Amino acid sequence: MGIILMILFWAAVILVLVAAIRWLMGGHREGPGPLGAGHRTALEILEERFARGEIEREEFEERRRLLSGRD
């Protein structure tokens, strides 16, 4: 019984350490879902692409209109 308690104790210590490290490194934000705090919206990505010159103004405005739902 003692060995099982020792294994459980060390597993708990390791889990707490991993959780603390992830939290300190920014892992406390929501995961990689679409509403996660660390994620950009499609419109933000589109604006960045336009600012870098990857797409022309006409394409930017067309895609922005599509994203906003104004067909």
C-alpha atoms as a PDB file:
ATOM      1  CA  MET A   1       0.000   0.000   0.000  1.00  0.00           C
ATOM      2  CA  GLY A   2       2.912   2.328   0.752  1.00  0.00           C
ATOM      3  CA  ILE A   3       4.337   2.081  -2.770  1.00  0.00           C
ATOM      4  CA  ILE A   4       0.974   3.013  -4.294  1.00  0.00           C
ATOM      5  CA  LEU A   5       0.728   6.099  -2.087  1.00  0.00           C
ATOM      6  CA  MET A   6       4.290   7.087  -3.007  1.00  0.00           C
ATOM      7  CA  ILE A   7       3.494   6.783  -6.739  1.00  0.00           C
ATOM      8  CA  LEU A   8       0.296   8.809  -6.312  1.00  0.00           C
ATOM      9  CA  PHE A   9       2.178  11.455  -4.345  1.00  0.00           C
ATOM     10  CA  TRP A  10       4.869  11.898  -7.010  1.00  0.00           C
ATOM     11  CA  ALA A  11       2.300  11.865  -9.811  1.00  0.00           C
ATOM     12  CA  ALA A  12       0.421  14.671  -8.023  1.00  0.00           C
ATOM     13  CA  VAL A  13       3.642  16.658  -7.542  1.00  0.00           C
ATOM     14  CA  ILE A  14       4.506  16.312 -11.247  1.00  0.00           C
ATOM     15  CA  LEU A  15       1.002  17.327 -12.318  1.00  0.00           C
ATOM     16  CA  VAL A  16       1.082  20.410 -10.098  1.00  0.00           C
ATOM     17  CA  LEU A  17       4.488  21.400 -11.471  1.00  0.00           C
ATOM     18  CA  VAL A  18       3.360  20.978 -15.085  1.00  0.00           C
ATOM     19  CA  ALA A  19       0.185  22.956 -14.440  1.00  0.00           C
ATOM     20  CA  ALA A  20       2.150  25.746 -12.737  1.00  0.00           C
ATOM     21  CA  ILE A  21       4.654  25.977 -15.571  1.00  0.00           C
ATOM     22  CA  ARG A  22       1.905  26.071 -18.203  1.00  0.00           C
ATOM     23  CA  TRP A  23       0.041  28.751 -16.256  1.00  0.00           C
ATOM     24  CA  LEU A  24       3.178  30.878 -15.870  1.00  0.00           C
ATOM     25  CA  MET A  25       3.966  30.577 -19.581  1.00  0.00           C
ATOM     26  CA  GLY A  26       0.516  31.762 -20.611  1.00  0.00           C
ATOM     27  CA  GLY A  27      -1.229  28.412 -20.706  1.00  0.00           C
ATOM     28  CA  HIS A  28      -3.968  29.753 -18.433  1.00  0.00           C
ATOM     29  CA  ARG A  29      -5.679  31.273 -21.468  1.00  0.00           C
ATOM     30  CA  GLU A  30      -8.341  29.334 -23.244  1.00  0.00           C
ATOM     31  CA  GLY A  31      -7.156  26.615 -25.564  1.00  0.00           C
ATOM     32  CA  PRO A  32      -6.844  26.647 -29.315  1.00  0.00           C
ATOM     33  CA  GLY A  33     -10.551  27.102 -29.888  1.00  0.00           C
ATOM     34  CA  PRO A  34     -11.970  29.810 -32.120  1.00  0.00           C
ATOM     35  CA  LEU A  35     -12.750  32.059 -29.149  1.00  0.00           C
ATOM     36  CA  GLY A  36      -9.415  31.671 -27.387  1.00  0.00           C
ATOM     37  CA  ALA A  37      -7.849  34.836 -26.040  1.00  0.00           C
ATOM     38  CA  GLY A  38      -4.620  34.293 -27.967  1.00  0.00           C
ATOM     39  CA  HIS A  39      -6.228  33.909 -31.357  1.00  0.00           C
ATOM     40  CA  ARG A  40      -6.807  36.482 -34.048  1.00  0.00           C
ATOM     41  CA  THR A  41     -10.089  36.859 -35.842  1.00  0.00           C
ATOM     42  CA  ALA A  42     -10.392  36.340 -39.575  1.00  0.00           C
ATOM     43  CA  LEU A  43     -10.848  40.077 -40.028  1.00  0.00           C
ATOM     44  CA  GLU A  44      -7.633  40.811 -38.110  1.00  0.00           C
ATOM     45  CA  ILE A  45      -5.716  38.373 -40.303  1.00  0.00           C
ATOM     46  CA  LEU A  46      -7.245  39.929 -43.408  1.00  0.00           C
ATOM     47  CA  GLU A  47      -6.266  43.425 -42.232  1.00  0.00           C
ATOM     48  CA  GLU A  48      -2.696  42.261 -41.584  1.00  0.00           C
ATOM     49  CA  ARG A  49      -2.439  40.729 -45.046  1.00  0.00           C
ATOM     50  CA  PHE A  50      -3.678  43.963 -46.594  1.00  0.00           C
ATOM     51  CA  ALA A  51      -1.237  46.015 -44.520  1.00  0.00           C
ATOM     52  CA  ARG A  52       1.676  43.820 -45.653  1.00  0.00           C
ATOM     53  CA  GLY A  53       0.622  44.251 -49.277  1.00  0.00           C
ATOM     54  CA  GLU A  54      -0.206  40.581 -49.820  1.00  0.00           C
ATOM     55  CA  ILE A  55      -3.649  41.430 -51.222  1.00  0.00           C
ATOM     56  CA  GLU A  56      -4.998  44.369 -53.205  1.00  0.00           C
ATOM     57  CA  ARG A  57      -7.630  46.806 -51.956  1.00  0.00           C
ATOM     58  CA  GLU A  58     -10.407  45.270 -54.075  1.00  0.00           C
ATOM     59  CA  GLU A  59      -9.739  41.781 -52.731  1.00  0.00           C
ATOM     60  CA  PHE A  60      -9.519  43.143 -49.169  1.00  0.00           C
ATOM     61  CA  GLU A  61     -12.857  44.932 -49.438  1.00  0.00           C
ATOM     62  CA  GLU A  62     -14.566  41.943 -51.062  1.00  0.00           C
ATOM     63  CA  ARG A  63     -13.348  39.532 -48.385  1.00  0.00           C
ATOM     64  CA  ARG A  64     -14.193  42.004 -45.604  1.00  0.00           C
ATOM     65  CA  ARG A  65     -17.721  42.277 -47.005  1.00  0.00           C
ATOM     66  CA  LEU A  66     -18.023  38.485 -47.099  1.00  0.00           C
ATOM     67  CA  LEU A  67     -16.746  38.161 -43.520  1.00  0.00           C
ATOM     68  CA  SER A  68     -19.175  40.753 -42.236  1.00  0.00           C
ATOM     69  CA  GLY A  69     -22.082  38.906 -43.882  1.00  0.00           C
ATOM     70  CA  ARG A  70     -23.048  41.673 -46.294  1.00  0.00           C
ATOM     71  CA  ASP A  71     -23.298  39.746 -49.552  1.00  0.00           C
END
